[in-house]
Amino acid sequence: MDGMTKAEVDRIERSVIAHSDRPIRPRDAATLILLDRKGDEVLVLMGRRHAGHAFMPGKFVFPGGRTDPADSRIAVAAALHPEQETKLTAGPGRTSAARARAIALSAIRETYEEAGLLIGRKGAFATARRDWQGFAEHGVQPSLDMLRFIARAITPPNRVRRFDTRFFSAWRGDVAVELPGGGPTNELEELVWLPLAKAREADIPDITRTILDELEKRLAHDPQLRPGSPVPFYRLIRNRFTREIL
């Protein structure tokens, strides 16, 4: 769809979905909940999606998007913590170590593209991938060891788009470079750091509010978000919203 705008692509996808009786298979996606501490408060980075988007228009969300399987081949300064990889490969579906790596890396890539924040360590980095060139230009090696797997959720059926989303977290101190002009895609209209309580009051999707609740509970007994904690998994089974533990 070279040469087409994002809005045009969205309109085509809505039309195809509206005239299709086939169930939509969820696509892998990843989201990054970037956290910062200010006194006794924990702040979270959120951005507003453009009103023209087919999926959750106008809502405040965390940076994130679809997983590109090719992300699994991106060199990293440090791999996923073993306990995080174990959690990512658990649950329904065949999630290999390579697929888990691609999902985690897509959270880092999308955070750069949408928010202009490069997570990793300073150091030489080279790649032929255009969507990772920002890391090469700014001398940042993406790194996975600081990511924490917070939750997983699958979009219910009969939606415009469906995603099997893994929610990760990282701290602002894990950002090696902050680009003042934001990310290259400009998919988020505004970026704001909000206290967790304020973030829950914003115009956010229901699942985002649920994940914020889960995060706040985890922070209460595990302020450093150590690896290996239970991971809640939300999905619809027989028309019932369920919460499982990975």
Protein backbone atom coordinates (compact mmCIF):
# COMPACT_ATOMS: atom_id res chain seq x y z
CA MET A 1 0.00 0.00 0.00
CA ASP A 2 2.86 2.30 -0.81
CA GLY A 3 1.81 5.91 -1.28
CA MET A 4 -1.40 5.55 0.74
CA THR A 5 -2.03 7.47 3.94
CA LYS A 6 -2.76 5.77 7.26
CA ALA A 7 -6.36 7.02 7.14
CA GLU A 8 -6.85 5.48 3.67
CA VAL A 9 -5.49 2.13 4.86
CA ASP A 10 -7.81 2.26 7.87
CA ARG A 11 -10.84 2.94 5.67
CA ILE A 12 -10.02 -0.02 3.42
CA GLU A 13 -9.55 -2.34 6.39
CA ARG A 14 -12.89 -1.24 7.89
CA SER A 15 -14.63 -1.93 4.58
CA VAL A 16 -13.07 -5.38 4.20
CA ILE A 17 -13.94 -6.33 7.77
CA ALA A 18 -17.51 -5.07 7.45
CA HIS A 19 -18.11 -7.34 4.44
CA SER A 20 -16.39 -10.43 5.81
CA ASP A 21 -18.09 -13.20 7.80
CA ARG A 22 -14.84 -14.88 8.73
CA PRO A 23 -13.61 -14.51 12.33
CA ILE A 24 -10.60 -12.26 12.65
CA ARG A 25 -7.53 -13.97 14.04
CA PRO A 26 -5.74 -11.86 16.69
CA ARG A 27 -2.37 -10.47 15.65
CA ASP A 28 0.61 -10.33 17.97
CA ALA A 29 1.12 -6.87 19.43
CA ALA A 30 3.13 -5.30 22.22
CA THR A 31 2.73 -2.27 24.43
CA LEU A 32 5.21 -0.54 26.69
CA ILE A 33 4.15 1.04 29.97
CA LEU A 34 6.97 3.48 30.67
CA LEU A 35 7.17 4.49 34.33
CA ASP A 36 8.85 7.28 36.26
CA ARG A 37 8.98 8.17 39.95
CA LYS A 38 8.24 11.66 41.23
CA GLY A 39 8.40 11.74 45.00
CA ASP A 40 5.98 9.13 46.28
CA GLU A 41 4.08 8.97 43.00
CA VAL A 42 4.60 6.71 40.01
CA LEU A 43 3.95 8.39 36.66
CA VAL A 44 3.05 6.62 33.43
CA LEU A 45 3.57 7.80 29.85
CA MET A 46 0.44 7.90 27.70
CA GLY A 47 -0.45 9.35 24.32
CA ARG A 48 -3.70 10.15 22.51
CA ARG A 49 -4.45 8.25 19.31
CA HIS A 50 -5.55 10.22 16.26
CA ALA A 51 -9.32 10.47 15.81
CA GLY A 52 -9.03 8.97 12.31
CA HIS A 53 -7.62 5.64 13.52
CA ALA A 54 -9.82 2.59 13.03
CA PHE A 55 -8.70 1.08 16.34
CA MET A 56 -9.49 3.03 19.54
CA PRO A 57 -9.65 6.51 17.93
CA GLY A 58 -9.07 9.44 20.28
CA LYS A 59 -8.22 7.25 23.25
CA PHE A 60 -5.20 7.67 25.52
CA VAL A 61 -3.00 4.58 25.27
CA PHE A 62 0.50 3.37 25.97
CA PRO A 63 2.96 3.36 23.05
CA GLY A 64 2.67 0.10 21.14
CA GLY A 65 1.59 -1.68 18.01
CA ARG A 66 1.75 -4.78 15.86
CA THR A 67 4.67 -7.18 16.08
CA ASP A 68 6.91 -7.68 13.07
CA PRO A 69 8.31 -11.26 13.18
CA ALA A 70 11.54 -9.91 11.64
CA ASP A 71 12.16 -8.00 14.89
CA SER A 72 13.38 -11.28 16.37
CA ARG A 73 16.58 -10.94 14.29
CA ILE A 74 17.54 -7.52 15.71
CA ALA A 75 20.77 -7.66 17.72
CA VAL A 76 20.39 -6.64 21.38
CA ALA A 77 22.75 -5.59 24.14
CA ALA A 78 21.08 -8.05 26.53
CA ALA A 79 18.42 -10.73 26.10
CA LEU A 80 15.15 -11.14 27.97
CA HIS A 81 15.48 -12.24 31.57
CA PRO A 82 14.96 -16.07 31.53
CA GLU A 83 11.91 -15.83 33.82
CA GLN A 84 10.34 -13.24 31.53
CA GLU A 85 10.90 -15.46 28.51
CA THR A 86 9.28 -18.37 30.34
CA LYS A 87 6.18 -16.28 31.06
CA LEU A 88 6.00 -15.02 27.48
CA THR A 89 6.09 -18.54 26.04
CA ALA A 90 3.41 -19.78 28.47
CA GLY A 91 -0.32 -19.81 27.82
CA PRO A 92 -2.36 -20.73 24.74
CA GLY A 93 -0.81 -20.65 21.29
CA ARG A 94 2.66 -21.69 20.21
CA THR A 95 4.92 -18.89 21.37
CA SER A 96 8.51 -19.86 20.62
CA ALA A 97 11.51 -18.10 22.11
CA ALA A 98 12.02 -16.30 18.77
CA ARG A 99 8.39 -15.15 18.71
CA ALA A 100 8.65 -13.94 22.32
CA ARG A 101 11.81 -12.01 21.42
CA ALA A 102 10.06 -10.39 18.43
CA ILE A 103 7.10 -9.38 20.59
CA ALA A 104 9.36 -7.79 23.22
CA LEU A 105 11.45 -5.98 20.62
CA SER A 106 8.34 -4.63 18.92
CA ALA A 107 7.44 -2.87 22.19
CA ILE A 108 10.82 -1.11 22.10
CA ARG A 109 10.54 -0.26 18.40
CA GLU A 110 7.01 1.12 18.71
CA THR A 111 8.01 3.26 21.70
CA TYR A 112 10.71 4.83 19.54
CA GLU A 113 8.41 5.29 16.54
CA GLU A 114 5.49 6.77 18.50
CA ALA A 115 7.21 8.56 21.38
CA GLY A 116 10.81 9.15 20.26
CA LEU A 117 12.22 7.21 23.24
CA LEU A 118 15.07 4.80 22.56
CA ILE A 119 15.34 2.08 25.20
CA GLY A 120 18.66 0.33 25.54
CA ARG A 121 22.31 1.12 26.14
CA LYS A 122 24.64 3.55 24.44
CA GLY A 123 26.87 1.76 21.95
CA ALA A 124 27.43 1.05 18.28
CA PHE A 125 24.44 -0.51 16.54
CA ALA A 126 24.05 -1.35 12.86
CA THR A 127 21.06 -2.70 10.96
CA ALA A 128 19.65 -2.74 7.44
CA ARG A 129 16.12 -2.34 8.80
CA ARG A 130 14.74 1.13 8.09
CA ASP A 131 12.40 1.09 11.10
CA TRP A 132 15.39 0.56 13.44
CA GLN A 133 17.64 3.20 11.86
CA GLY A 134 16.95 5.65 14.67
CA PHE A 135 18.84 3.39 17.05
CA ALA A 136 21.83 3.26 14.69
CA GLU A 137 21.81 7.03 14.14
CA HIS A 138 21.76 7.78 17.86
CA GLY A 139 24.17 5.03 18.90
CA VAL A 140 21.76 3.00 21.01
CA GLN A 141 21.77 -0.78 21.32
CA PRO A 142 18.24 -2.02 22.09
CA SER A 143 18.16 -4.14 25.22
CA LEU A 144 15.52 -6.52 26.56
CA ASP A 145 16.77 -7.27 30.07
CA MET A 146 15.01 -4.25 31.61
CA LEU A 147 11.57 -5.19 30.28
CA ARG A 148 9.02 -6.64 32.69
CA PHE A 149 6.03 -8.64 31.43
CA ILE A 150 3.01 -7.11 33.16
CA ALA A 151 -0.09 -8.58 31.45
CA ARG A 152 -1.55 -10.17 28.34
CA ALA A 153 -4.94 -9.48 26.75
CA ILE A 154 -6.71 -10.64 23.59
CA THR A 155 -9.23 -8.32 21.91
CA PRO A 156 -12.70 -9.93 21.94
CA PRO A 157 -14.22 -11.19 18.66
CA ASN A 158 -16.37 -8.98 16.41
CA ARG A 159 -14.09 -5.96 16.75
CA VAL A 160 -12.64 -3.85 13.93
CA ARG A 161 -9.22 -5.24 14.74
CA ARG A 162 -8.05 -7.97 17.10
CA PHE A 163 -4.71 -8.16 18.88
CA ASP A 164 -3.03 -10.60 21.22
CA THR A 165 -1.25 -7.90 23.21
CA ARG A 166 1.57 -8.32 25.69
CA PHE A 167 1.99 -5.40 28.08
CA PHE A 168 5.55 -4.68 29.20
CA SER A 169 6.92 -2.09 31.57
CA ALA A 170 10.24 -0.27 31.86
CA TRP A 171 11.51 2.73 33.79
CA ARG A 172 12.35 6.11 32.35
CA GLY A 173 15.94 5.52 33.44
CA ASP A 174 16.10 2.70 30.87
CA VAL A 175 15.69 5.26 28.07
CA ALA A 176 19.10 5.94 26.51
CA VAL A 177 17.93 8.81 24.27
CA GLU A 178 14.81 11.03 24.36
CA LEU A 179 14.16 12.78 21.06
CA PRO A 180 12.65 16.23 21.75
CA GLY A 181 10.43 16.14 18.67
CA GLY A 182 8.88 12.76 19.47
CA GLY A 183 8.87 9.71 17.21
CA PRO A 184 8.95 9.61 13.40
CA THR A 185 5.40 8.27 12.90
CA ASN A 186 3.51 10.91 14.90
CA GLU A 187 0.77 8.36 15.56
CA LEU A 188 0.09 9.84 18.99
CA GLU A 189 -1.27 13.40 19.03
CA GLU A 190 0.06 14.23 22.49
CA LEU A 191 2.29 12.58 25.06
CA VAL A 192 1.80 13.14 28.78
CA TRP A 193 3.24 11.78 32.02
CA LEU A 194 0.35 11.10 34.39
CA PRO A 195 0.19 9.80 37.97
CA LEU A 196 -1.43 6.37 37.98
CA ALA A 197 -4.62 7.71 39.59
CA LYS A 198 -4.94 10.47 36.96
CA ALA A 199 -4.21 8.02 34.15
CA ARG A 200 -7.20 5.90 35.21
CA GLU A 201 -9.43 9.00 34.98
CA ALA A 202 -8.34 9.79 31.40
CA ASP A 203 -10.25 8.74 28.26
CA ILE A 204 -8.75 5.27 28.09
CA PRO A 205 -9.99 1.86 26.89
CA ASP A 206 -11.45 -0.43 29.54
CA ILE A 207 -8.61 -2.92 29.20
CA THR A 208 -6.06 -0.14 29.75
CA ARG A 209 -7.80 0.79 33.02
CA THR A 210 -7.74 -2.87 34.04
CA ILE A 211 -4.01 -3.15 33.30
CA LEU A 212 -3.32 0.04 35.29
CA ASP A 213 -5.14 -1.52 38.24
CA GLU A 214 -3.03 -4.66 37.92
CA LEU A 215 0.15 -2.59 37.71
CA GLU A 216 -0.69 -0.54 40.78
CA LYS A 217 -1.33 -3.70 42.82
CA ARG A 218 1.97 -5.18 41.70
CA LEU A 219 3.90 -2.00 42.50
CA ALA A 220 2.39 -1.97 45.99
CA HIS A 221 4.16 -5.19 46.96
CA ASP A 222 6.97 -5.15 44.39
CA PRO A 223 8.11 -1.53 43.82
CA GLN A 224 11.06 -2.57 41.63
CA LEU A 225 8.97 -4.90 39.43
CA ARG A 226 11.27 -7.85 39.74
CA PRO A 227 11.03 -10.61 37.10
CA GLY A 228 9.11 -13.79 37.78
CA SER A 229 5.88 -12.34 39.24
CA PRO A 230 2.51 -13.80 38.16
CA VAL A 231 1.19 -12.33 34.90
CA PRO A 232 -2.59 -11.87 34.43
CA PHE A 233 -4.05 -12.93 31.09
CA TYR A 234 -7.42 -11.53 29.95
CA ARG A 235 -9.57 -12.99 27.17
CA LEU A 236 -13.17 -13.79 26.28
CA ILE A 237 -14.16 -17.46 26.63
CA ARG A 238 -17.75 -18.48 25.81
CA ASN A 239 -18.86 -14.85 25.98
CA ARG A 240 -17.31 -14.46 29.42
CA PHE A 241 -14.40 -12.16 30.26
CA THR A 242 -11.84 -14.27 32.11
CA ARG A 243 -8.66 -13.59 34.05
CA GLU A 244 -6.04 -16.34 34.12
CA ILE A 245 -2.53 -16.37 35.54
CA LEU A 246 0.52 -17.21 33.43
